[in-house]
Amino acid sequence: MYSIYSLIDPRDHTAFYVGSTKDSDRRFKEHINCYEANSVKNARIQELQELGLMVIMQILEQVETLEEAREREVFWVRYYMDKGTGLANIQIPRSAVLSPLSSSSPGNVPPLPDLPEEHITYQCQYRKCGKASCKTCRNGQEHGPYWYAFWREGRRLRCRYIGKDKSLQRSDLEAS
């Protein structure tokens, strides 16, 4: 049995992460001990811990197969993204990302390689443009968010720009 869950901030009861697991207890311990390299999620959990609060792991639903779990995780990621909730997920499933961005993606972006979904990682990144005259960069901020797809071809790491999601802002991704 697989569980699809969200991590909830107890201060305002907003979801900030969606995942799926076969072992909810183990996964919760991994989250509260910040075992992953997800700095945004970890910072939020650590902030809560410093305030004497505990993140809430809410089981959204349970399904029988891994395929169903992936499908339902995509549904819940899309659900929260459509509500404007900033998720701290590093890897957002392809089907949750591509549909809303396809209209805003530039026409010259080549299609992604035909690989199984688990071989492509999607990241939302902020970048500095490097222009000396850029007010945004001079003020210590970055441009974005920009969505990128990453995959391997042999030993080589490949990256492709997907598009900019104007509904997702840096403040949505950072800990409150």
C-alpha atoms as a PDB file:
ATOM      1  CA  MET A   1       0.000   0.000   0.000  1.00  0.00           C
ATOM      2  CA  TYR A   2       1.357   3.426  -1.000  1.00  0.00           C
ATOM      3  CA  SER A   3       0.479   6.673   0.746  1.00  0.00           C
ATOM      4  CA  ILE A   4       0.316  10.062  -0.954  1.00  0.00           C
ATOM      5  CA  TYR A   5       0.937  12.746   1.641  1.00  0.00           C
ATOM      6  CA  SER A   6       1.509  16.424   2.163  1.00  0.00           C
ATOM      7  CA  LEU A   7       3.683  18.185   4.707  1.00  0.00           C
ATOM      8  CA  ILE A   8       1.720  20.905   6.471  1.00  0.00           C
ATOM      9  CA  ASP A   9       2.950  23.987   8.307  1.00  0.00           C
ATOM     10  CA  PRO A  10       1.053  23.981  11.652  1.00  0.00           C
ATOM     11  CA  ARG A  11       1.139  27.800  11.855  1.00  0.00           C
ATOM     12  CA  ASP A  12      -1.145  28.402   8.901  1.00  0.00           C
ATOM     13  CA  HIS A  13      -2.102  24.833   7.891  1.00  0.00           C
ATOM     14  CA  THR A  14      -0.728  25.227   4.359  1.00  0.00           C
ATOM     15  CA  ALA A  15       0.848  22.361   2.470  1.00  0.00           C
ATOM     16  CA  PHE A  16       4.429  22.974   1.384  1.00  0.00           C
ATOM     17  CA  TYR A  17       5.467  19.537   0.095  1.00  0.00           C
ATOM     18  CA  VAL A  18       3.751  16.566  -1.576  1.00  0.00           C
ATOM     19  CA  GLY A  19       5.181  13.063  -1.754  1.00  0.00           C
ATOM     20  CA  SER A  20       4.400   9.371  -1.900  1.00  0.00           C
ATOM     21  CA  THR A  21       5.843   6.518   0.103  1.00  0.00           C
ATOM     22  CA  LYS A  22       5.366   2.898   0.984  1.00  0.00           C
ATOM     23  CA  ASP A  23       6.491   3.490   4.591  1.00  0.00           C
ATOM     24  CA  SER A  24       4.949   6.640   6.112  1.00  0.00           C
ATOM     25  CA  ASP A  25       6.741   6.359   9.456  1.00  0.00           C
ATOM     26  CA  ARG A  26      10.193   6.030   7.896  1.00  0.00           C
ATOM     27  CA  ARG A  27       9.492   8.855   5.451  1.00  0.00           C
ATOM     28  CA  PHE A  28       8.265  11.189   8.198  1.00  0.00           C
ATOM     29  CA  LYS A  29      11.473  10.547  10.191  1.00  0.00           C
ATOM     30  CA  GLU A  30      13.540  11.314   7.076  1.00  0.00           C
ATOM     31  CA  HIS A  31      11.687  14.611   6.662  1.00  0.00           C
ATOM     32  CA  ILE A  32      11.993  15.790  10.267  1.00  0.00           C
ATOM     33  CA  ASN A  33      15.698  14.841  10.314  1.00  0.00           C
ATOM     34  CA  CYS A  34      16.258  16.711   7.020  1.00  0.00           C
ATOM     35  CA  TYR A  35      17.956  13.753   5.315  1.00  0.00           C
ATOM     36  CA  GLU A  36      17.394  15.141   1.808  1.00  0.00           C
ATOM     37  CA  ALA A  37      19.265  17.913   0.030  1.00  0.00           C
ATOM     38  CA  ASN A  38      16.105  20.005  -0.319  1.00  0.00           C
ATOM     39  CA  SER A  39      17.217  23.256   1.300  1.00  0.00           C
ATOM     40  CA  VAL A  40      13.835  25.000   1.016  1.00  0.00           C
ATOM     41  CA  LYS A  41      11.907  22.159   2.672  1.00  0.00           C
ATOM     42  CA  ASN A  42      14.621  21.588   5.271  1.00  0.00           C
ATOM     43  CA  ALA A  43      14.745  25.284   6.191  1.00  0.00           C
ATOM     44  CA  ARG A  44      11.005  25.319   6.776  1.00  0.00           C
ATOM     45  CA  ILE A  45      11.111  22.184   8.929  1.00  0.00           C
ATOM     46  CA  GLN A  46      14.080  23.517  10.928  1.00  0.00           C
ATOM     47  CA  GLU A  47      12.326  26.854  11.434  1.00  0.00           C
ATOM     48  CA  LEU A  48       9.304  25.023  12.836  1.00  0.00           C
ATOM     49  CA  GLN A  49      11.521  22.935  15.112  1.00  0.00           C
ATOM     50  CA  GLU A  50      13.258  26.076  16.434  1.00  0.00           C
ATOM     51  CA  LEU A  51       9.805  27.446  17.328  1.00  0.00           C
ATOM     52  CA  GLY A  52       8.983  24.211  19.148  1.00  0.00           C
ATOM     53  CA  LEU A  53       6.499  23.168  16.461  1.00  0.00           C
ATOM     54  CA  MET A  54       6.282  19.936  14.496  1.00  0.00           C
ATOM     55  CA  VAL A  55       5.519  19.635  10.814  1.00  0.00           C
ATOM     56  CA  ILE A  56       2.290  17.730  10.113  1.00  0.00           C
ATOM     57  CA  MET A  57       2.344  14.800   7.686  1.00  0.00           C
ATOM     58  CA  GLN A  58      -1.173  14.449   6.316  1.00  0.00           C
ATOM     59  CA  ILE A  59      -2.014  11.280   4.397  1.00  0.00           C
ATOM     60  CA  LEU A  60      -4.095  12.447   1.434  1.00  0.00           C
ATOM     61  CA  GLU A  61      -4.932   8.993   0.105  1.00  0.00           C
ATOM     62  CA  GLN A  62      -3.671   5.442  -0.204  1.00  0.00           C
ATOM     63  CA  VAL A  63      -3.379   3.312  -3.340  1.00  0.00           C
ATOM     64  CA  GLU A  64      -2.236  -0.205  -4.158  1.00  0.00           C
ATOM     65  CA  THR A  65       0.441   0.186  -6.847  1.00  0.00           C
ATOM     66  CA  LEU A  66       3.483   2.368  -7.506  1.00  0.00           C
ATOM     67  CA  GLU A  67       1.955   3.428 -10.822  1.00  0.00           C
ATOM     68  CA  GLU A  68      -1.211   4.628  -9.054  1.00  0.00           C
ATOM     69  CA  ALA A  69       0.911   6.392  -6.419  1.00  0.00           C
ATOM     70  CA  ARG A  70       2.829   8.324  -9.073  1.00  0.00           C
ATOM     71  CA  GLU A  71      -0.405   9.220 -10.851  1.00  0.00           C
ATOM     72  CA  ARG A  72      -2.075  10.448  -7.656  1.00  0.00           C
ATOM     73  CA  GLU A  73       1.046  12.335  -6.540  1.00  0.00           C
ATOM     74  CA  VAL A  74       0.903  14.212  -9.852  1.00  0.00           C
ATOM     75  CA  PHE A  75      -2.761  14.969  -9.167  1.00  0.00           C
ATOM     76  CA  TRP A  76      -2.007  16.410  -5.713  1.00  0.00           C
ATOM     77  CA  VAL A  77       1.002  18.426  -6.896  1.00  0.00           C
ATOM     78  CA  ARG A  78      -1.155  19.888  -9.677  1.00  0.00           C
ATOM     79  CA  TYR A  79      -3.982  20.495  -7.158  1.00  0.00           C
ATOM     80  CA  TYR A  80      -1.764  22.537  -4.844  1.00  0.00           C
ATOM     81  CA  MET A  81      -0.024  24.352  -7.710  1.00  0.00           C
ATOM     82  CA  ASP A  82      -3.407  25.328  -9.174  1.00  0.00           C
ATOM     83  CA  LYS A  83      -4.382  26.753  -5.773  1.00  0.00           C
ATOM     84  CA  GLY A  84      -1.255  28.905  -5.875  1.00  0.00           C
ATOM     85  CA  THR A  85       0.442  26.981  -3.084  1.00  0.00           C
ATOM     86  CA  GLY A  86       4.212  27.161  -3.354  1.00  0.00           C
ATOM     87  CA  LEU A  87       5.571  23.646  -3.016  1.00  0.00           C
ATOM     88  CA  ALA A  88       9.117  22.963  -1.859  1.00  0.00           C
ATOM     89  CA  ASN A  89       9.378  19.827  -3.995  1.00  0.00           C
ATOM     90  CA  ILE A  90      12.657  19.635  -5.902  1.00  0.00           C
ATOM     91  CA  GLN A  91      11.308  17.061  -8.318  1.00  0.00           C
ATOM     92  CA  ILE A  92       7.911  17.899  -9.723  1.00  0.00           C
ATOM     93  CA  PRO A  93       6.436  15.153 -11.941  1.00  0.00           C
ATOM     94  CA  ARG A  94       6.590  15.994 -15.655  1.00  0.00           C
ATOM     95  CA  SER A  95       2.831  15.775 -16.188  1.00  0.00           C
ATOM     96  CA  ALA A  96       2.226  18.262 -13.352  1.00  0.00           C
ATOM     97  CA  VAL A  97       4.627  20.790 -14.853  1.00  0.00           C
ATOM     98  CA  LEU A  98       4.311  20.616 -18.615  1.00  0.00           C
ATOM     99  CA  SER A  99       0.622  21.319 -19.060  1.00  0.00           C
ATOM    100  CA  PRO A 100       0.488  24.753 -17.379  1.00  0.00           C
ATOM    101  CA  LEU A 101       3.794  25.843 -18.897  1.00  0.00           C
ATOM    102  CA  SER A 102       3.180  24.770 -22.464  1.00  0.00           C
ATOM    103  CA  SER A 103       1.336  27.989 -23.269  1.00  0.00           C
ATOM    104  CA  SER A 104       4.083  30.200 -21.810  1.00  0.00           C
ATOM    105  CA  SER A 105       7.068  28.233 -23.115  1.00  0.00           C
ATOM    106  CA  PRO A 106       8.902  29.712 -26.060  1.00  0.00           C
ATOM    107  CA  GLY A 107       8.118  28.103 -29.398  1.00  0.00           C
ATOM    108  CA  ASN A 108      11.745  27.166 -30.070  1.00  0.00           C
ATOM    109  CA  VAL A 109      12.118  24.825 -27.066  1.00  0.00           C
ATOM    110  CA  PRO A 110      12.847  21.358 -28.473  1.00  0.00           C
ATOM    111  CA  PRO A 111      10.851  18.423 -27.097  1.00  0.00           C
ATOM    112  CA  LEU A 112      12.222  16.448 -24.184  1.00  0.00           C
ATOM    113  CA  PRO A 113      13.824  13.088 -24.910  1.00  0.00           C
ATOM    114  CA  ASP A 114      11.551  10.077 -24.894  1.00  0.00           C
ATOM    115  CA  LEU A 115      12.655   8.630 -21.546  1.00  0.00           C
ATOM    116  CA  PRO A 116      10.698   7.002 -18.733  1.00  0.00           C
ATOM    117  CA  GLU A 117       9.490   9.688 -16.315  1.00  0.00           C
ATOM    118  CA  GLU A 118      11.673   8.461 -13.446  1.00  0.00           C
ATOM    119  CA  HIS A 119      14.758   9.314 -15.538  1.00  0.00           C
ATOM    120  CA  ILE A 120      13.898  13.007 -15.882  1.00  0.00           C
ATOM    121  CA  THR A 121      14.153  15.428 -12.967  1.00  0.00           C
ATOM    122  CA  TYR A 122      12.396  18.797 -13.015  1.00  0.00           C
ATOM    123  CA  GLN A 123      13.706  21.753 -11.078  1.00  0.00           C
ATOM    124  CA  CYS A 124      12.532  25.266 -10.513  1.00  0.00           C
ATOM    125  CA  GLN A 125      15.534  27.606 -10.451  1.00  0.00           C
ATOM    126  CA  TYR A 126      16.347  31.266 -10.006  1.00  0.00           C
ATOM    127  CA  ARG A 127      19.243  32.774 -11.933  1.00  0.00           C
ATOM    128  CA  LYS A 128      21.360  35.927 -12.063  1.00  0.00           C
ATOM    129  CA  CYS A 129      21.588  37.461 -15.512  1.00  0.00           C
ATOM    130  CA  GLY A 130      25.099  38.863 -15.026  1.00  0.00           C
ATOM    131  CA  LYS A 131      24.299  42.298 -16.456  1.00  0.00           C
ATOM    132  CA  ALA A 132      25.995  45.094 -14.519  1.00  0.00           C
ATOM    133  CA  SER A 133      22.997  47.371 -15.104  1.00  0.00           C
ATOM    134  CA  CYS A 134      20.407  44.884 -13.762  1.00  0.00           C
ATOM    135  CA  LYS A 135      18.651  46.350 -10.703  1.00  0.00           C
ATOM    136  CA  THR A 136      17.294  42.954  -9.647  1.00  0.00           C
ATOM    137  CA  CYS A 137      20.738  41.330  -9.500  1.00  0.00           C
ATOM    138  CA  ARG A 138      22.351  44.393  -7.878  1.00  0.00           C
ATOM    139  CA  ASN A 139      19.770  44.158  -5.076  1.00  0.00           C
ATOM    140  CA  GLY A 140      20.871  40.565  -4.403  1.00  0.00           C
ATOM    141  CA  GLN A 141      17.808  38.982  -5.997  1.00  0.00           C
ATOM    142  CA  GLU A 142      17.589  36.589  -8.919  1.00  0.00           C
ATOM    143  CA  HIS A 143      15.294  36.208 -11.913  1.00  0.00           C
ATOM    144  CA  GLY A 144      12.738  33.417 -12.173  1.00  0.00           C
ATOM    145  CA  PRO A 145      11.352  31.011 -11.381  1.00  0.00           C
ATOM    146  CA  TYR A 146      12.447  29.040 -14.435  1.00  0.00           C
ATOM    147  CA  TRP A 147      11.655  25.344 -14.938  1.00  0.00           C
ATOM    148  CA  TYR A 148      14.373  23.021 -16.247  1.00  0.00           C
ATOM    149  CA  ALA A 149      14.436  19.313 -17.076  1.00  0.00           C
ATOM    150  CA  PHE A 150      17.578  17.266 -16.309  1.00  0.00           C
ATOM    151  CA  TRP A 151      18.486  13.775 -17.540  1.00  0.00           C
ATOM    152  CA  ARG A 152      21.533  11.694 -18.358  1.00  0.00           C
ATOM    153  CA  GLU A 153      22.699  10.531 -21.747  1.00  0.00           C
ATOM    154  CA  GLY A 154      25.451   8.058 -20.969  1.00  0.00           C
ATOM    155  CA  ARG A 155      27.765   9.849 -18.543  1.00  0.00           C
ATOM    156  CA  ARG A 156      26.664  13.295 -19.647  1.00  0.00           C
ATOM    157  CA  LEU A 157      24.128  15.366 -17.689  1.00  0.00           C
ATOM    158  CA  ARG A 158      21.723  17.175 -20.008  1.00  0.00           C
ATOM    159  CA  CYS A 159      19.529  20.152 -19.204  1.00  0.00           C
ATOM    160  CA  ARG A 160      16.647  21.760 -21.096  1.00  0.00           C
ATOM    161  CA  TYR A 161      14.782  24.964 -20.303  1.00  0.00           C
ATOM    162  CA  ILE A 162      11.032  24.306 -20.121  1.00  0.00           C
ATOM    163  CA  GLY A 163       9.532  27.663 -19.298  1.00  0.00           C
ATOM    164  CA  LYS A 164       8.707  30.269 -16.727  1.00  0.00           C
ATOM    165  CA  ASP A 165       5.741  29.788 -14.420  1.00  0.00           C
ATOM    166  CA  LYS A 166       4.593  33.304 -13.591  1.00  0.00           C
ATOM    167  CA  SER A 167       2.192  32.052 -10.912  1.00  0.00           C
ATOM    168  CA  LEU A 168       5.051  30.674  -8.787  1.00  0.00           C
ATOM    169  CA  GLN A 169       7.149  33.263  -6.960  1.00  0.00           C
ATOM    170  CA  ARG A 170      10.294  32.941  -4.832  1.00  0.00           C
ATOM    171  CA  SER A 171       8.329  33.833  -1.704  1.00  0.00           C
ATOM    172  CA  ASP A 172       6.174  30.740  -2.348  1.00  0.00           C
ATOM    173  CA  LEU A 173       9.268  28.530  -2.233  1.00  0.00           C
ATOM    174  CA  GLU A 174      11.034  30.061   0.759  1.00  0.00           C
ATOM    175  CA  ALA A 175      10.209  29.316   4.343  1.00  0.00           C
ATOM    176  CA  SER A 176       7.859  31.835   5.916  1.00  0.00           C
END
